[in-house]
Protein backbone atom coordinates (compact mmCIF):
# COMPACT_ATOMS: atom_id res chain seq x y z
CA MET A 1 181.87 101.79 135.34
CA ASP A 2 180.59 103.34 132.04
CA VAL A 3 180.03 99.87 130.58
CA ILE A 4 177.94 98.84 133.55
CA LEU A 5 175.93 102.06 133.30
CA LEU A 6 175.47 101.65 129.54
CA LYS A 7 174.20 98.03 130.01
CA PHE A 8 171.89 99.26 132.84
CA PHE A 9 170.24 101.92 130.73
CA TYR A 10 170.13 99.72 127.64
CA TYR A 11 168.53 96.60 129.18
CA LEU A 12 166.26 98.49 131.56
CA SER A 13 164.91 100.73 128.84
CA PHE A 14 164.26 97.63 126.77
CA ALA A 15 162.42 96.01 129.67
CA GLY A 16 160.50 99.21 130.21
CA TYR A 17 159.28 99.32 126.63
CA VAL A 18 158.15 95.65 126.86
CA LEU A 19 156.27 96.49 130.06
CA ALA A 20 154.73 99.56 128.42
CA PHE A 21 153.58 97.43 125.55
CA LEU A 22 151.91 94.93 127.80
CA VAL A 23 150.22 97.67 129.84
CA SER A 24 148.82 99.23 126.63
CA LEU A 25 146.82 96.16 126.00
CA LYS A 26 144.48 97.25 128.79
CA PRO A 27 142.65 100.47 127.73
CA SER A 28 141.93 101.55 131.29
CA TRP A 29 145.64 101.75 131.99
CA SER A 30 146.42 104.47 129.43
CA ARG A 31 147.87 106.88 132.08
CA ILE A 32 150.13 104.12 133.46
CA PHE A 33 151.25 103.36 129.91
CA LYS A 34 152.23 107.02 129.41
CA TRP A 35 154.30 107.10 132.62
CA ILE A 36 156.15 103.80 131.83
CA PHE A 37 156.74 104.79 128.22
CA SER A 38 158.13 108.21 129.42
CA LEU A 39 160.44 106.53 131.85
CA SER A 40 161.65 104.05 129.26
CA LEU A 41 162.35 106.95 126.93
CA ILE A 42 164.48 108.63 129.62
CA LEU A 43 166.44 105.39 130.05
CA ASN A 44 166.76 105.15 126.28
CA ALA A 45 168.14 108.65 126.14
CA GLY A 46 170.63 107.72 128.89
CA ALA A 47 171.90 104.86 126.78
CA PHE A 48 172.09 107.07 123.77
CA ALA A 49 174.10 109.70 125.75
CA LEU A 50 176.50 107.00 127.03
CA PHE A 51 177.08 105.64 123.49
CA TRP A 52 177.75 109.20 122.30
CA SER A 53 180.00 109.99 125.25
CA ARG A 54 182.11 106.84 124.94
CA SER A 55 182.47 106.83 121.14
CA GLY A 56 183.11 110.49 120.63
CA HIS A 57 180.63 110.87 117.90
CA PHE A 58 176.88 110.75 117.27
CA PRO A 59 175.77 107.03 117.68
CA PHE A 60 174.69 105.86 114.27
CA CYS A 61 176.88 102.92 113.15
CA ASP A 62 175.16 99.86 111.69
CA ASN A 63 177.50 97.24 113.11
CA TYR A 64 176.74 98.31 116.69
CA ALA A 65 173.63 98.48 118.84
CA GLU A 66 173.94 102.24 119.05
CA SER A 67 172.11 102.92 115.81
CA TYR A 68 168.99 100.99 116.79
CA VAL A 69 168.97 102.65 120.15
CA THR A 70 169.11 105.99 118.37
CA MET A 71 166.22 105.05 116.02
CA GLY A 72 164.19 104.00 119.05
CA LEU A 73 164.94 107.26 120.81
CA ILE A 74 163.81 109.30 117.69
CA LEU A 75 160.64 107.13 117.31
CA GLY A 76 159.86 107.44 121.08
CA MET A 77 160.26 111.23 121.26
CA MET A 78 158.18 111.82 118.19
CA GLY A 79 155.63 109.34 119.42
CA LEU A 80 155.37 111.07 122.76
CA TRP A 81 154.90 114.35 120.98
CA VAL A 82 151.96 113.11 118.89
CA PHE A 83 150.19 110.94 121.46
CA GLY A 84 148.17 113.91 122.69
CA ARG A 85 147.24 115.03 119.21
CA THR A 86 145.35 111.91 118.10
CA SER A 87 142.12 110.29 119.28
CA SER A 88 143.83 106.88 119.08
CA ALA A 89 146.69 107.73 121.40
CA LEU A 90 146.74 104.37 123.22
CA ARG A 91 146.64 102.34 120.02
CA LEU A 92 149.31 104.53 118.49
CA GLY A 93 151.46 104.24 121.66
CA ARG A 94 151.12 100.45 121.61
CA TYR A 95 152.37 100.12 117.98
CA ALA A 96 155.02 102.81 118.46
CA THR A 97 156.28 100.86 121.45
CA LEU A 98 156.18 97.65 119.39
CA GLY A 99 158.37 99.37 116.67
CA ILE A 100 160.93 100.38 119.40
CA MET A 101 160.91 96.77 120.72
CA MET A 102 161.63 95.54 117.19
CA LEU A 103 164.59 97.92 116.87
CA TYR A 104 165.98 96.88 120.25
CA THR A 105 165.53 93.25 119.14
CA TYR A 106 167.60 93.88 116.08
CA SER A 107 170.21 95.53 118.23
CA LEU A 108 170.75 92.41 120.32
CA ALA A 109 172.68 90.89 117.44
CA ARG A 110 175.10 93.94 117.52
CA SER A 111 177.90 94.87 119.83
CA LEU A 112 177.13 97.03 122.87
CA ASP A 113 180.55 98.59 122.57
CA PRO A 114 180.43 102.11 121.19
CA SER A 115 181.87 102.31 117.67
CA PRO A 116 185.43 103.59 117.47
CA TYR A 117 186.00 107.24 116.77
CA LEU A 118 187.05 107.95 113.20
CA TYR A 119 188.01 111.47 112.15
CA TRP A 120 185.85 111.31 109.02
CA TYR A 121 182.66 111.13 111.13
CA ASP A 122 183.25 114.86 111.75
CA HIS A 123 182.76 115.66 108.08
CA PRO A 124 179.37 117.17 107.35
CA SER A 125 178.62 114.77 104.45
CA VAL A 126 179.36 111.75 106.56
CA PHE A 127 177.49 112.92 109.59
CA CYS A 128 174.40 113.84 107.50
CA PHE A 129 174.51 110.54 105.56
CA TYR A 130 174.28 108.53 108.85
CA PHE A 131 172.10 111.00 110.78
CA PHE A 132 169.37 111.43 108.18
CA ARG A 133 169.24 107.69 107.50
CA VAL A 134 168.76 106.80 111.18
CA ALA A 135 166.19 109.62 111.58
CA ALA A 136 164.38 108.48 108.42
CA ILE A 137 163.89 104.94 109.67
CA GLY A 138 162.71 106.18 113.10
CA VAL A 139 160.16 108.52 111.40
CA MET A 140 158.94 105.71 109.07
CA PHE A 141 158.37 103.51 112.06
CA LEU A 142 156.12 106.22 113.53
CA GLY A 143 154.24 106.17 110.22
CA ALA A 144 153.94 102.43 110.46
CA ALA A 145 152.41 102.88 113.95
CA PHE A 146 149.77 105.19 112.56
CA PHE A 147 149.02 102.74 109.69
CA THR A 148 148.72 99.78 112.10
CA ALA A 149 146.51 101.76 114.49
CA SER A 150 144.23 102.63 111.60
CA LEU A 151 143.58 98.97 110.88
CA HIS A 152 141.77 98.64 114.33
CA LEU A 153 140.16 101.93 114.66
CA PRO A 154 136.36 102.34 113.69
CA ARG A 155 135.82 105.06 111.15
CA SER A 156 133.22 106.64 113.49
CA GLU A 157 135.85 107.27 116.21
CA GLY A 158 137.65 110.65 116.01
CA GLY A 159 138.06 110.81 112.28
CA GLY A 160 138.31 107.08 111.85
CA ALA A 161 140.79 104.89 110.17
CA GLY A 162 141.11 107.38 107.30
CA GLY A 163 142.57 110.03 109.63
CA ASP A 164 145.24 107.78 111.03
CA GLU A 165 146.07 106.38 107.58
CA ARG A 166 146.62 109.93 106.26
CA ARG A 167 148.91 110.75 109.26
CA GLY A 168 150.80 107.54 108.63
CA ARG A 169 151.27 108.53 104.99
CA HIS A 170 152.61 111.91 106.01
CA PHE A 171 155.20 110.48 108.34
CA LEU A 172 156.12 107.85 105.77
CA LEU A 173 156.67 110.54 103.20
CA LEU A 174 158.64 112.60 105.68
CA GLY A 175 160.79 109.59 106.24
CA ALA A 176 161.30 109.19 102.49
CA LEU A 177 162.44 112.84 102.29
CA LEU A 178 164.98 112.31 105.05
CA PHE A 179 166.12 109.11 103.40
CA LEU A 180 166.64 111.03 100.11
CA VAL A 181 168.69 113.60 101.93
CA SER A 182 170.82 110.81 103.32
CA GLU A 183 171.41 109.33 99.88
CA CYS A 184 172.38 112.68 98.50
CA CYS A 185 174.84 113.22 101.35
CA GLY A 186 176.27 109.72 100.68
CA ALA A 187 176.88 110.60 97.05
CA TRP A 188 178.68 113.82 98.25
CA TRP A 189 180.80 111.79 100.59
CA SER A 190 181.61 109.03 98.04
CA GLU A 191 182.58 111.68 95.40
CA MET A 192 185.36 112.82 97.77
CA ALA A 193 186.28 109.29 98.93
CA THR A 194 185.69 106.42 96.51
CA GLY A 195 184.05 108.33 93.63
CA ASP A 196 181.34 105.63 93.10
CA PHE A 197 178.22 105.66 95.34
CA TRP A 198 176.85 102.50 93.78
CA GLN A 199 179.87 100.57 94.95
CA PHE A 200 180.14 102.55 98.09
CA SER A 201 176.64 101.84 99.37
CA PRO A 202 174.65 99.19 97.44
CA ALA A 203 172.59 98.47 100.54
CA PHE A 204 171.03 101.88 100.72
CA PHE A 205 170.37 102.12 97.01
CA THR A 206 168.52 98.71 97.39
CA SER A 207 166.61 100.16 100.34
CA ALA A 208 165.63 103.20 98.21
CA GLY A 209 164.42 100.90 95.43
CA THR A 210 162.44 98.91 98.08
CA PHE A 211 160.69 102.06 99.23
CA LEU A 212 159.80 103.25 95.77
CA LEU A 213 158.38 99.80 94.90
CA PHE A 214 156.15 99.73 98.01
CA MET A 215 154.93 103.22 97.29
CA ILE A 216 153.18 102.02 94.08
CA PRO A 217 149.93 101.19 95.97
CA PHE A 218 149.63 104.75 97.16
CA HIS A 219 149.78 106.21 93.58
CA TRP A 220 148.76 103.55 91.20
CA PRO A 221 145.30 104.26 89.56
CA PHE A 222 144.06 100.73 89.74
CA GLU A 223 140.93 100.00 91.71
CA TRP A 224 142.75 97.82 94.23
CA ALA A 225 144.92 100.75 95.19
CA GLY A 226 141.98 102.51 96.56
CA ASN A 227 141.54 99.92 99.33
CA PRO A 228 142.59 101.72 102.58
CA ARG A 229 143.30 98.49 104.36
CA PHE A 230 145.68 97.31 101.66
CA ARG A 231 147.49 100.65 101.70
CA ALA A 232 147.70 100.53 105.55
CA VAL A 233 149.24 97.06 105.53
CA ILE A 234 151.86 98.13 102.92
CA GLY A 235 152.58 101.38 104.80
CA ALA A 236 153.05 99.42 108.09
CA CYS A 237 155.49 97.00 106.39
CA VAL A 238 157.71 99.48 104.47
CA PRO A 239 160.02 100.55 107.39
CA VAL A 240 160.60 96.91 108.51
CA LEU A 241 161.33 95.89 104.92
CA ILE A 242 163.84 98.76 104.41
CA LEU A 243 165.54 97.96 107.65
CA PHE A 244 165.66 94.25 106.81
CA VAL A 245 167.13 94.94 103.41
CA VAL A 246 169.87 97.19 104.88
CA MET A 247 170.72 94.53 107.38
CA ILE A 248 170.90 91.73 104.81
CA ARG A 249 172.90 93.77 102.20
CA ASN A 250 175.32 94.96 104.86
CA HIS A 251 176.22 91.43 105.95
């Protein structure tokens, strides 16, 4: 019965996000979008709770769909919180929903079975390593939504593209901070386990290097770095690239 319920919440929430994205394409349906998005988020939370209940630990394992469902839940909750605090709420909601759809699409290649319980998941360093990494990618995807929204928002509207680009940068940097905390917790874990974090987690070091590389346009003094559209495109791509690198290096 639990498996049927899990599939129900998982697939229905995915379908709900797809419908919310389609509704967001019509500006006059902003209220309908918010209702559908909220319902999809509730279903997403249901899938998250069932993953947690059946596995016995916080759902954050890479080889299972649970981690992408968790990222989507974090992105959706933060997105719903900021929708009413920006003049481009519908655009932001559209791209946040698109980010969740991408995460769900990634999860289709993973098992819907909850990951098996392992006693070391209870250790603080292990929990923090996985939790902060999952949270970081969810937060970065919200930053990507702001960056993408800024590409289509006239500067004369509610603070303009510059306002959304600044918010996107703040969320991207917050995601980077969470990612750094995850890396430090991983080093703490590996010191007790393997003693070598480079061998223990090359995928996440590669991800950290990817992030730092793509932060260059935000700080490099060259003239081309001052182009807001260029920065916005880079900022929108960073979370997807990090997730892609992690997936490739893990397999």
